[in-house]
Structures are given as structure tokens and as C-alpha cells.
Amino acid sequence: MSSAEPARDAAAVWDIATPPRPGRLRVSTAGFRARTTDPVDLNVVPNPAVTVAVHLGDALLAVDDANGRPHHGSVVVGLASRGVRGYGRDMECLQVRLSPAVAHAELGASWELGGPRSN
């Protein structure tokens, strides 16, 4: 799949909702909705947390791992997320970031250290 034209202004593309206060249990959340029907193609920023992306919309949400293998729908992205990218159209998702300790307690070793894992 070829990359879509990069968005010039992320604020023009996304509605983002976050809670008024950070979570107390080393968990953070954010809701994302694309304001465009054009393709969106983003590199995933490496983060010292395990990220769970819960697909909420009817449209395609896909995440490619560092080897270019696509994972569709809801995914878990481990700590070593270099080279991971997400793409789709009309996307709606909930992002949940878990500290490694919380991720291990809630997800076990299934999240591993690598790129995305599909549902």
C-alpha cells in the first residue's frame, strides 16, 4: 500500500478528546475521530507505554508493523513500536496507554515488546 499524502495540519484532520485529569493508575486515554474522508496515514510515535487502540467505527483502521504486515481492527502496540504506522479513512478509535506494569497485570505477556498484535 502506498502512503497517502501527509496531513499538513493534524488539528484540521482529528477531533481528539481526553479526560480532564490524567489517570491515577498509570493509564491514559484519548478518543480520536478523523474529520476527513481522505486517507489518513500516520507513523506511530514510540512511547514508553503499551498502547491499545480500540477500533470504534465502521471504516477501516489498519496498523502495519515494522515488517509491513497489516493488522486490522483493534490492536495492541508494544514498547518497541519503531516503524509502526496506522492508516485508514473515517477512523474512530479509543487509545489506551498502559504502563508496562499495568499492561503485564491486565494483558499478561501477550503484548510482548514488539509491534502491533491484532484482536
Protein backbone atom coordinates (compact mmCIF):
# COMPACT_ATOMS: atom_id res chain seq x y z
CA MET A 1 0.00 0.00 0.00
CA SER A 2 1.39 3.38 -0.90
CA SER A 3 1.37 6.14 1.68
CA ALA A 4 -1.30 8.80 1.48
CA GLU A 5 -0.44 12.47 1.24
CA PRO A 6 0.62 13.59 4.73
CA ALA A 7 -1.77 15.85 6.57
CA ARG A 8 -0.47 19.41 6.75
CA ASP A 9 -2.28 20.26 9.96
CA ALA A 10 -3.25 17.46 12.36
CA ALA A 11 -5.83 19.72 14.05
CA ALA A 12 -7.65 20.01 10.73
CA VAL A 13 -7.84 16.21 10.47
CA TRP A 14 -8.63 14.99 14.01
CA ASP A 15 -11.17 15.52 16.75
CA ILE A 16 -9.34 14.47 19.92
CA ALA A 17 -10.98 14.05 23.33
CA THR A 18 -9.06 13.45 26.55
CA PRO A 19 -10.15 13.27 30.18
CA PRO A 20 -9.73 16.48 32.21
CA ARG A 21 -7.23 14.79 34.56
CA PRO A 22 -4.65 12.07 33.98
CA GLY A 23 -5.47 8.57 35.23
CA ARG A 24 -4.28 7.60 38.69
CA LEU A 25 -3.39 4.02 37.75
CA ARG A 26 -0.68 4.78 35.16
CA VAL A 27 -3.32 4.59 32.42
CA SER A 28 -4.16 7.38 29.98
CA THR A 29 -6.88 7.57 27.35
CA ALA A 30 -7.75 9.62 24.30
CA GLY A 31 -10.53 9.36 21.75
CA PHE A 32 -9.79 10.09 18.08
CA ARG A 33 -12.13 10.73 15.18
CA ALA A 34 -10.97 11.69 11.68
CA ARG A 35 -12.71 14.79 10.33
CA THR A 36 -11.92 13.83 6.76
CA THR A 37 -12.91 11.05 4.42
CA ASP A 38 -9.49 11.34 2.78
CA PRO A 39 -6.96 8.64 3.65
CA VAL A 40 -5.01 9.25 6.86
CA ASP A 41 -1.56 7.68 7.16
CA LEU A 42 0.47 8.24 10.35
CA ASN A 43 3.69 6.94 11.83
CA VAL A 44 3.15 5.73 15.39
CA VAL A 45 5.29 7.72 17.81
CA PRO A 46 7.29 5.38 20.08
CA ASN A 47 6.11 5.75 23.67
CA PRO A 48 7.27 4.16 26.95
CA ALA A 49 3.83 2.60 27.34
CA VAL A 50 1.83 -0.23 25.83
CA THR A 51 -0.83 1.27 23.56
CA VAL A 52 -4.20 -0.39 22.97
CA ALA A 53 -6.15 1.05 20.03
CA VAL A 54 -9.82 0.08 20.18
CA HIS A 55 -11.49 0.41 16.79
CA LEU A 56 -14.93 2.03 17.19
CA GLY A 57 -16.00 3.00 13.67
CA ASP A 58 -17.34 1.14 10.67
CA ALA A 59 -14.49 2.23 8.39
CA LEU A 60 -11.12 0.53 8.00
CA LEU A 61 -8.47 1.04 10.67
CA ALA A 62 -5.21 -0.76 9.96
CA VAL A 63 -1.81 -0.74 11.59
CA ASP A 64 1.28 -2.00 9.78
CA ASP A 65 4.06 -3.45 11.88
CA ALA A 66 7.74 -2.67 11.22
CA ASN A 67 7.84 -5.52 8.66
CA GLY A 68 4.88 -4.08 6.73
CA ARG A 69 2.38 -6.75 7.87
CA PRO A 70 -1.09 -5.21 8.30
CA HIS A 71 -3.21 -5.71 11.41
CA HIS A 72 -6.87 -4.68 11.07
CA GLY A 73 -9.30 -3.53 13.74
CA SER A 74 -8.31 -3.17 17.39
CA VAL A 75 -4.61 -3.66 18.14
CA VAL A 76 -2.09 -3.70 20.97
CA VAL A 77 1.22 -1.96 20.23
CA GLY A 78 4.14 -2.91 22.46
CA LEU A 79 7.03 -0.78 23.64
CA ALA A 80 9.22 -1.26 20.55
CA SER A 81 6.94 0.50 18.08
CA ARG A 82 9.54 1.95 15.69
CA GLY A 83 8.42 1.64 12.08
CA VAL A 84 4.76 1.08 13.03
CA ARG A 85 2.17 3.10 11.11
CA GLY A 86 -1.61 3.43 11.17
CA TYR A 87 -3.87 4.27 8.26
CA GLY A 88 -7.47 4.34 7.15
CA ARG A 89 -10.44 6.57 6.32
CA ASP A 90 -13.22 7.91 8.53
CA MET A 91 -11.47 6.45 11.57
CA GLU A 92 -12.84 6.44 15.11
CA CYS A 93 -10.84 4.83 17.89
CA LEU A 94 -10.04 4.92 21.57
CA GLN A 95 -6.37 4.92 22.56
CA VAL A 96 -5.50 3.49 25.97
CA ARG A 97 -1.88 3.75 27.12
CA LEU A 98 -0.81 1.43 29.93
CA SER A 99 2.39 1.46 31.91
CA PRO A 100 4.38 -1.76 31.40
CA ALA A 101 3.43 -2.93 34.91
CA VAL A 102 -0.30 -2.36 34.32
CA ALA A 103 -0.09 -3.93 30.84
CA HIS A 104 1.53 -7.05 32.27
CA ALA A 105 -1.07 -7.31 35.05
CA GLU A 106 -4.01 -6.83 32.65
CA LEU A 107 -2.77 -8.37 29.39
CA GLY A 108 -0.14 -10.84 30.60
CA ALA A 109 2.78 -11.40 28.26
CA SER A 110 0.54 -11.24 25.18
CA TRP A 111 1.51 -7.64 24.40
CA GLU A 112 5.23 -8.55 24.20
CA LEU A 113 7.80 -5.88 23.33
CA GLY A 114 7.26 -5.67 19.59
CA GLY A 115 4.86 -4.03 17.20
CA PRO A 116 1.11 -4.43 16.90
CA ARG A 117 -0.96 -7.50 17.67
CA SER A 118 -4.50 -7.74 16.28
CA ASN A 119 -7.63 -8.81 18.09
